[in-house]
């Protein structure tokens, strides 16, 4: 689940790019989560994994591939983002 913060106007459309669904990661404990968003202007975005905040980017640009790295070590398991 990607969550938006500090955004005014219509909600942007967010495309989750990586990791792909059902990806199993056994090597990188603080992976990057990559997305692209279509919006009227720059905005801030918080990365949530299973409902808990794991990262933040204060200046996501329109139609630009953006990555947020998990700010804490992740255990093996399934995560919704």
C-alpha atoms as a PDB file:
ATOM      1  CA  UNK A   1       0.000   0.000   0.000  1.00  0.00           C
ATOM      2  CA  UNK A   2       1.442   3.348  -0.999  1.00  0.00           C
ATOM      3  CA  UNK A   3       0.083   6.272   0.942  1.00  0.00           C
ATOM      4  CA  UNK A   4       0.134   9.921   0.028  1.00  0.00           C
ATOM      5  CA  UNK A   5       0.747  12.711   2.443  1.00  0.00           C
ATOM      6  CA  UNK A   6       0.826  16.484   2.057  1.00  0.00           C
ATOM      7  CA  UNK A   7      -1.003  16.526  -1.275  1.00  0.00           C
ATOM      8  CA  UNK A   8      -3.681  18.945  -2.360  1.00  0.00           C
ATOM      9  CA  UNK A   9      -5.821  18.556  -5.438  1.00  0.00           C
ATOM     10  CA  UNK A  10      -6.801  15.342  -7.222  1.00  0.00           C
ATOM     11  CA  UNK A  11      -5.098  12.196  -5.990  1.00  0.00           C
ATOM     12  CA  UNK A  12      -2.255  11.012  -8.232  1.00  0.00           C
ATOM     13  CA  UNK A  13      -2.314   7.664  -9.976  1.00  0.00           C
ATOM     14  CA  UNK A  14       0.464   5.441  -8.594  1.00  0.00           C
ATOM     15  CA  UNK A  15       2.004   2.539 -10.504  1.00  0.00           C
ATOM     16  CA  UNK A  16       3.899   0.059  -8.307  1.00  0.00           C
ATOM     17  CA  UNK A  17       6.900  -1.144 -10.307  1.00  0.00           C
ATOM     18  CA  UNK A  18       9.234  -3.181  -8.109  1.00  0.00           C
ATOM     19  CA  UNK A  19       9.422  -5.495  -6.387  1.00  0.00           C
ATOM     20  CA  UNK A  20       6.869  -7.392  -8.443  1.00  0.00           C
ATOM     21  CA  UNK A  21       4.004  -9.286  -6.803  1.00  0.00           C
ATOM     22  CA  UNK A  22       5.065 -12.543  -5.157  1.00  0.00           C
ATOM     23  CA  UNK A  23       8.758 -11.607  -5.266  1.00  0.00           C
ATOM     24  CA  UNK A  24      10.835 -13.495  -2.730  1.00  0.00           C
ATOM     25  CA  UNK A  25      13.844 -11.567  -1.501  1.00  0.00           C
ATOM     26  CA  UNK A  26      16.410 -13.456   0.549  1.00  0.00           C
ATOM     27  CA  UNK A  27      19.461 -11.215   0.090  1.00  0.00           C
ATOM     28  CA  UNK A  28      18.540  -7.557   0.613  1.00  0.00           C
ATOM     29  CA  UNK A  29      17.132  -6.802   4.070  1.00  0.00           C
ATOM     30  CA  UNK A  30      16.436  -3.130   3.252  1.00  0.00           C
ATOM     31  CA  UNK A  31      15.096  -3.286  -0.305  1.00  0.00           C
ATOM     32  CA  UNK A  32      14.098  -0.426  -2.555  1.00  0.00           C
ATOM     33  CA  UNK A  33      10.443  -0.045  -3.540  1.00  0.00           C
ATOM     34  CA  UNK A  34      10.050   1.625  -6.930  1.00  0.00           C
ATOM     35  CA  UNK A  35       6.977   3.388  -8.272  1.00  0.00           C
ATOM     36  CA  UNK A  36       5.897   5.984 -10.800  1.00  0.00           C
ATOM     37  CA  UNK A  37       3.120   8.489 -10.203  1.00  0.00           C
ATOM     38  CA  UNK A  38       1.049  10.715 -12.415  1.00  0.00           C
ATOM     39  CA  UNK A  39      -0.009  13.908 -10.635  1.00  0.00           C
ATOM     40  CA  UNK A  40      -0.606  17.593 -11.271  1.00  0.00           C
ATOM     41  CA  UNK A  41       2.435  18.582  -9.203  1.00  0.00           C
ATOM     42  CA  UNK A  42       5.175  17.214  -6.955  1.00  0.00           C
ATOM     43  CA  UNK A  43       4.002  15.598  -3.726  1.00  0.00           C
ATOM     44  CA  UNK A  44       5.227  13.679  -0.676  1.00  0.00           C
ATOM     45  CA  UNK A  45       4.816   9.920  -0.356  1.00  0.00           C
ATOM     46  CA  UNK A  46       5.196   7.490   2.543  1.00  0.00           C
ATOM     47  CA  UNK A  47       6.020   3.824   1.990  1.00  0.00           C
ATOM     48  CA  UNK A  48       3.843   1.555   4.114  1.00  0.00           C
ATOM     49  CA  UNK A  49       4.531  -2.160   4.486  1.00  0.00           C
ATOM     50  CA  UNK A  50       1.727  -4.112   6.139  1.00  0.00           C
ATOM     51  CA  UNK A  51       0.364  -0.833   7.489  1.00  0.00           C
ATOM     52  CA  UNK A  52       3.625   0.391   9.074  1.00  0.00           C
ATOM     53  CA  UNK A  53       5.631   3.342   7.716  1.00  0.00           C
ATOM     54  CA  UNK A  54       9.027   2.265   6.363  1.00  0.00           C
ATOM     55  CA  UNK A  55      10.165   5.250   4.336  1.00  0.00           C
ATOM     56  CA  UNK A  56       9.354   8.715   3.051  1.00  0.00           C
ATOM     57  CA  UNK A  57      10.116  10.906   0.047  1.00  0.00           C
ATOM     58  CA  UNK A  58       9.184  14.567   0.373  1.00  0.00           C
ATOM     59  CA  UNK A  59       9.471  15.491  -3.317  1.00  0.00           C
ATOM     60  CA  UNK A  60       8.060  12.890  -5.710  1.00  0.00           C
ATOM     61  CA  UNK A  61       8.003  14.384  -9.216  1.00  0.00           C
ATOM     62  CA  UNK A  62       5.254  13.823 -11.779  1.00  0.00           C
ATOM     63  CA  UNK A  63       5.821  10.875 -14.148  1.00  0.00           C
ATOM     64  CA  UNK A  64       9.234  10.108 -12.663  1.00  0.00           C
ATOM     65  CA  UNK A  65      10.407   6.695 -11.489  1.00  0.00           C
ATOM     66  CA  UNK A  66      11.003   7.011  -7.755  1.00  0.00           C
ATOM     67  CA  UNK A  67      12.421   4.576  -5.210  1.00  0.00           C
ATOM     68  CA  UNK A  68      12.035   4.558  -1.456  1.00  0.00           C
ATOM     69  CA  UNK A  69      14.341   2.262   0.504  1.00  0.00           C
ATOM     70  CA  UNK A  70      12.963   0.483   3.559  1.00  0.00           C
ATOM     71  CA  UNK A  71      14.349   2.385   6.551  1.00  0.00           C
ATOM     72  CA  UNK A  72      14.572  -0.745   8.714  1.00  0.00           C
ATOM     73  CA  UNK A  73      15.604  -4.353   8.254  1.00  0.00           C
ATOM     74  CA  UNK A  74      12.816  -6.597   6.956  1.00  0.00           C
ATOM     75  CA  UNK A  75      12.473 -10.209   8.039  1.00  0.00           C
ATOM     76  CA  UNK A  76      11.674 -12.869   5.453  1.00  0.00           C
ATOM     77  CA  UNK A  77       7.944 -12.959   4.853  1.00  0.00           C
ATOM     78  CA  UNK A  78       5.062 -11.535   2.879  1.00  0.00           C
ATOM     79  CA  UNK A  79       4.524  -7.770   2.764  1.00  0.00           C
ATOM     80  CA  UNK A  80       1.759  -5.644   1.282  1.00  0.00           C
ATOM     81  CA  UNK A  81       2.875  -2.252   0.030  1.00  0.00           C
END
